[in-house]
Amino acid sequence: MHGKILSKDGKLATHQVRTVANTLERMTGPTPADLTALPRTPLATAVVNLIQPLETPSVFNHSIRTYLFARLVAARLGLLAADEYDDDLLFAACAMHDLGVAPDGPHRQRFEVEGADRAAEFLTARGVPAADADAVWQAIALHTSSGIAERRGTLCVLVREGVAVDFGGPLGTDHLDAITDEQADAIHTAYPRLDMIRSLTDAIVTQAAKNPANAPRYAIPGEFLRERETSGRTRLEHACRSSRWGN
């Protein structure tokens, strides 16, 4: 590319430059380092510092991979950060989507809602506008609600799809083939799976068993608890044995 893109007043047209740069990235593809890079913002750092000590390494890695996969799905859909979605909010919603299974929580309601409440409270305390905190709340509360999350805006769609891609197929996704083997290898090398399906199911069942309100009938935590009690394995655990990622 020769010369600079200038606006009428002679200043650099940053929006046009960003658009060209994004187009070039889609043409050449991100590097492995780009694939696993996390936002370098005070909010993102605070989110990591919150969840990493509370979650098992397996659940923590799943939360981060959810963001990395969601970002790839966004690229496939032609959604650009800062234009169609806020990358900081996407990271916050993905990284904290399983905060409801943290062992230090109040454990008085199903884990999706408990995690959404904790995430929104955390964001509000750090000065995030109420509307943005509520958008994160919705994305977390609805991340297990197929057919509903997809109709509640871009953030809900991307979090739901990021989670679904990390499960490798059994949760249902139209974008699993958007991830190349090379991209998946880079992400899994940086954030290994560590028997994620079993570890996350253990955490959900443990949280659900603490209070009947945590495990409503026909909700994910309620069904996981009952399936573990009756057969020792959930249907999702069985289905994930044939997922793209294997566990």
Protein backbone atom coordinates (compact mmCIF):
# COMPACT_ATOMS: atom_id res chain seq x y z
CA MET A 1 0.00 0.00 0.00
CA HIS A 2 1.44 3.39 -0.99
CA GLY A 3 0.85 6.72 0.73
CA LYS A 4 -1.57 7.48 3.57
CA ILE A 5 -5.32 7.48 3.74
CA LEU A 6 -6.26 11.05 4.62
CA SER A 7 -9.53 12.66 5.55
CA LYS A 8 -10.65 15.91 3.95
CA ASP A 9 -8.93 17.99 6.62
CA GLY A 10 -5.63 16.21 5.99
CA LYS A 11 -5.68 14.10 9.15
CA LEU A 12 -5.15 10.37 9.09
CA ALA A 13 -8.47 8.58 8.65
CA THR A 14 -8.01 6.08 11.46
CA HIS A 15 -11.28 4.28 10.86
CA GLN A 16 -10.31 3.60 7.23
CA VAL A 17 -6.85 2.46 8.28
CA ARG A 18 -8.36 0.10 10.84
CA THR A 19 -10.76 -1.28 8.23
CA VAL A 20 -7.91 -1.92 5.77
CA ALA A 21 -5.82 -3.55 8.51
CA ASN A 22 -8.70 -5.83 9.48
CA THR A 23 -9.21 -6.79 5.85
CA LEU A 24 -5.54 -7.64 5.46
CA GLU A 25 -5.62 -9.74 8.63
CA ARG A 26 -8.56 -11.74 7.30
CA MET A 27 -6.64 -12.31 4.06
CA THR A 28 -3.38 -13.46 5.68
CA GLY A 29 -4.75 -14.99 8.89
CA PRO A 30 -3.66 -14.25 12.45
CA THR A 31 -0.36 -15.57 13.75
CA PRO A 32 -0.31 -18.16 16.59
CA ALA A 33 0.64 -15.37 19.00
CA ASP A 34 -2.32 -13.30 17.81
CA LEU A 35 -4.65 -16.28 18.24
CA THR A 36 -3.85 -16.65 21.93
CA ALA A 37 -3.38 -12.97 22.82
CA LEU A 38 -5.67 -11.63 25.53
CA PRO A 39 -6.77 -8.01 25.91
CA ARG A 40 -4.14 -5.90 27.66
CA THR A 41 -6.50 -3.65 29.54
CA PRO A 42 -6.94 -2.99 33.26
CA LEU A 43 -10.40 -4.58 33.16
CA ALA A 44 -9.19 -7.77 31.46
CA THR A 45 -6.32 -8.05 33.93
CA ALA A 46 -8.73 -7.62 36.84
CA VAL A 47 -11.00 -10.35 35.42
CA VAL A 48 -8.10 -12.80 35.14
CA ASN A 49 -6.97 -11.96 38.66
CA LEU A 50 -10.49 -12.67 39.88
CA ILE A 51 -11.17 -16.01 38.21
CA GLN A 52 -7.77 -17.70 38.12
CA PRO A 53 -7.49 -18.33 41.88
CA LEU A 54 -11.14 -19.45 42.10
CA GLU A 55 -11.47 -21.91 39.23
CA THR A 56 -9.68 -25.18 38.60
CA PRO A 57 -6.98 -24.91 35.90
CA SER A 58 -9.25 -26.90 33.59
CA VAL A 59 -12.26 -24.59 34.01
CA PHE A 60 -10.04 -21.50 33.81
CA ASN A 61 -8.53 -22.69 30.53
CA HIS A 62 -12.01 -23.46 29.20
CA SER A 63 -13.11 -19.92 30.05
CA ILE A 64 -10.17 -18.39 28.20
CA ARG A 65 -10.55 -20.71 25.19
CA THR A 66 -14.20 -19.68 25.03
CA TYR A 67 -13.04 -16.11 24.39
CA LEU A 68 -10.41 -17.14 21.83
CA PHE A 69 -12.92 -19.27 19.92
CA ALA A 70 -15.60 -16.57 20.17
CA ARG A 71 -13.19 -14.11 18.60
CA LEU A 72 -12.62 -16.48 15.66
CA VAL A 73 -16.37 -16.92 15.24
CA ALA A 74 -16.72 -13.13 15.23
CA ALA A 75 -14.15 -12.91 12.44
CA ARG A 76 -16.04 -15.52 10.44
CA LEU A 77 -19.24 -13.52 10.83
CA GLY A 78 -17.45 -10.37 9.72
CA LEU A 79 -17.87 -8.72 13.11
CA LEU A 80 -15.12 -6.27 13.97
CA ALA A 81 -14.08 -5.40 17.51
CA ALA A 82 -14.85 -1.76 18.39
CA ASP A 83 -17.42 -1.65 15.57
CA GLU A 84 -19.89 -4.49 16.15
CA TYR A 85 -18.79 -5.59 19.64
CA ASP A 86 -16.66 -4.45 22.56
CA ASP A 87 -13.66 -6.77 22.97
CA ASP A 88 -13.29 -6.00 26.68
CA LEU A 89 -16.90 -6.95 27.32
CA LEU A 90 -16.55 -10.09 25.20
CA PHE A 91 -13.52 -11.11 27.22
CA ALA A 92 -15.27 -10.36 30.51
CA ALA A 93 -18.37 -12.35 29.57
CA CYS A 94 -16.43 -15.34 28.24
CA ALA A 95 -13.87 -15.42 31.04
CA MET A 96 -16.48 -15.13 33.79
CA HIS A 97 -19.19 -17.29 32.25
CA ASP A 98 -18.55 -20.13 34.72
CA LEU A 99 -17.91 -17.93 37.75
CA GLY A 100 -21.10 -19.37 39.23
CA VAL A 101 -19.36 -22.69 39.99
CA ALA A 102 -16.58 -21.03 42.01
CA PRO A 103 -16.43 -22.65 45.47
CA ASP A 104 -16.57 -19.31 47.31
CA GLY A 105 -19.96 -18.30 45.88
CA PRO A 106 -23.24 -17.98 47.81
CA HIS A 107 -24.69 -21.03 46.00
CA ARG A 108 -28.32 -19.99 46.24
CA GLN A 109 -29.38 -20.25 42.57
CA ARG A 110 -28.47 -22.03 39.35
CA PHE A 111 -24.85 -21.47 38.40
CA GLU A 112 -25.55 -19.47 35.23
CA VAL A 113 -27.54 -16.84 37.13
CA GLU A 114 -25.21 -16.81 40.11
CA GLY A 115 -22.24 -16.27 37.80
CA ALA A 116 -24.05 -13.54 35.90
CA ASP A 117 -24.87 -11.72 39.14
CA ARG A 118 -21.28 -11.92 40.37
CA ALA A 119 -19.90 -10.75 37.03
CA ALA A 120 -22.26 -7.78 36.80
CA GLU A 121 -21.47 -6.76 40.38
CA PHE A 122 -17.74 -7.03 39.66
CA LEU A 123 -18.01 -4.88 36.52
CA THR A 124 -20.22 -2.24 38.13
CA ALA A 125 -17.77 -1.89 41.02
CA ARG A 126 -15.08 -1.07 38.45
CA GLY A 127 -17.05 1.69 36.80
CA VAL A 128 -18.44 -0.24 33.83
CA PRO A 129 -21.71 1.41 32.71
CA ALA A 130 -24.88 -0.32 33.86
CA ALA A 131 -25.98 -1.11 30.30
CA ASP A 132 -22.68 -2.85 29.54
CA ALA A 133 -22.75 -4.78 32.82
CA ASP A 134 -26.29 -5.91 31.98
CA ALA A 135 -25.20 -7.05 28.52
CA VAL A 136 -22.54 -9.23 30.16
CA TRP A 137 -25.15 -10.47 32.65
CA GLN A 138 -27.39 -11.62 29.82
CA ALA A 139 -24.57 -13.31 27.93
CA ILE A 140 -23.53 -15.30 30.99
CA ALA A 141 -27.04 -16.11 32.24
CA LEU A 142 -28.10 -17.36 28.79
CA HIS A 143 -24.96 -19.19 27.70
CA THR A 144 -26.60 -22.60 28.23
CA SER A 145 -29.88 -21.51 26.60
CA SER A 146 -29.74 -22.57 22.99
CA GLY A 147 -32.26 -20.75 20.82
CA ILE A 148 -32.59 -17.89 23.29
CA ALA A 149 -29.04 -16.57 23.56
CA GLU A 150 -28.85 -16.32 19.78
CA ARG A 151 -31.71 -13.80 19.79
CA ARG A 152 -30.38 -11.49 22.49
CA GLY A 153 -27.66 -9.61 20.64
CA THR A 154 -24.11 -9.98 19.43
CA LEU A 155 -22.49 -10.49 22.82
CA CYS A 156 -24.88 -13.30 23.72
CA VAL A 157 -24.30 -14.95 20.34
CA LEU A 158 -20.52 -14.82 20.59
CA VAL A 159 -20.36 -16.14 24.16
CA ARG A 160 -22.76 -18.97 23.35
CA GLU A 161 -20.81 -19.86 20.20
CA GLY A 162 -17.46 -19.67 22.00
CA VAL A 163 -18.71 -22.12 24.62
CA ALA A 164 -20.24 -24.41 21.99
CA VAL A 165 -17.06 -24.49 19.90
CA ASP A 166 -14.99 -25.38 22.96
CA PHE A 167 -17.28 -28.35 23.58
CA GLY A 168 -16.43 -29.53 20.08
CA GLY A 169 -19.92 -30.07 18.69
CA PRO A 170 -22.36 -31.68 21.16
CA LEU A 171 -23.84 -28.33 22.26
CA GLY A 172 -24.64 -27.48 18.65
CA THR A 173 -22.85 -24.84 16.61
CA ASP A 174 -22.76 -23.75 12.99
CA HIS A 175 -19.20 -22.50 13.31
CA LEU A 176 -17.07 -25.45 14.40
CA ASP A 177 -15.59 -25.68 10.91
CA ALA A 178 -14.48 -22.05 11.19
CA ILE A 179 -11.60 -23.27 13.37
CA THR A 180 -8.71 -24.81 11.46
CA ASP A 181 -6.66 -27.63 12.97
CA GLU A 182 -3.68 -25.28 13.15
CA GLN A 183 -5.69 -22.65 15.05
CA ALA A 184 -7.08 -25.24 17.43
CA ASP A 185 -3.61 -26.68 18.09
CA ALA A 186 -2.24 -23.22 18.92
CA ILE A 187 -5.09 -22.48 21.31
CA HIS A 188 -4.96 -25.88 22.99
CA THR A 189 -1.19 -25.65 23.38
CA ALA A 190 -1.53 -22.32 25.17
CA TYR A 191 -4.56 -23.40 27.21
CA PRO A 192 -4.70 -27.23 27.46
CA ARG A 193 -8.04 -28.95 27.93
CA LEU A 194 -7.03 -30.90 31.08
CA ASP A 195 -10.07 -33.19 30.93
CA MET A 196 -12.34 -30.15 30.79
CA ILE A 197 -15.65 -31.94 30.29
CA ARG A 198 -15.32 -33.98 33.47
CA SER A 199 -13.83 -31.13 35.49
CA LEU A 200 -16.54 -28.64 34.53
CA THR A 201 -19.32 -31.18 35.04
CA ASP A 202 -17.90 -31.98 38.49
CA ALA A 203 -17.96 -28.27 39.38
CA ILE A 204 -21.54 -27.79 38.12
CA VAL A 205 -22.80 -30.88 39.96
CA THR A 206 -21.03 -29.89 43.17
CA GLN A 207 -22.62 -26.44 43.05
CA ALA A 208 -26.03 -27.86 42.18
CA ALA A 209 -25.98 -30.34 45.07
CA LYS A 210 -25.56 -27.62 47.69
CA ASN A 211 -29.05 -26.18 47.41
CA PRO A 212 -32.28 -27.35 45.71
CA ALA A 213 -32.60 -23.85 44.18
CA ASN A 214 -29.33 -24.46 42.33
CA ALA A 215 -30.73 -27.45 40.44
CA PRO A 216 -34.16 -26.72 38.95
CA ARG A 217 -35.73 -29.54 36.99
CA TYR A 218 -34.90 -29.54 33.25
CA ALA A 219 -32.23 -26.87 33.67
CA ILE A 220 -28.63 -27.87 32.90
CA PRO A 221 -27.46 -28.06 36.54
CA GLY A 222 -30.56 -29.96 37.64
CA GLU A 223 -30.26 -32.51 34.87
CA PHE A 224 -26.52 -32.93 35.36
CA LEU A 225 -27.06 -33.61 39.06
CA ARG A 226 -29.83 -36.15 38.44
CA GLU A 227 -27.93 -37.93 35.65
CA ARG A 228 -24.81 -38.21 37.79
CA GLU A 229 -26.87 -39.55 40.71
CA THR A 230 -28.70 -42.14 38.59
CA SER A 231 -26.06 -43.29 36.11
CA GLY A 232 -22.76 -41.81 37.23
CA ARG A 233 -22.29 -39.94 33.94
CA THR A 234 -24.20 -37.18 32.20
CA ARG A 235 -25.45 -37.52 28.66
CA LEU A 236 -23.27 -34.57 27.71
CA GLU A 237 -20.15 -36.32 29.03
CA HIS A 238 -21.04 -39.34 26.94
CA ALA A 239 -21.70 -37.23 23.83
CA CYS A 240 -18.43 -35.33 24.21
CA ARG A 241 -16.45 -38.55 23.85
CA SER A 242 -17.06 -38.15 20.11
CA SER A 243 -16.57 -34.38 20.00
CA ARG A 244 -13.97 -32.82 17.71
CA TRP A 245 -11.60 -32.20 20.62
CA GLY A 246 -12.12 -35.55 22.31
CA ASN A 247 -12.68 -34.38 25.90
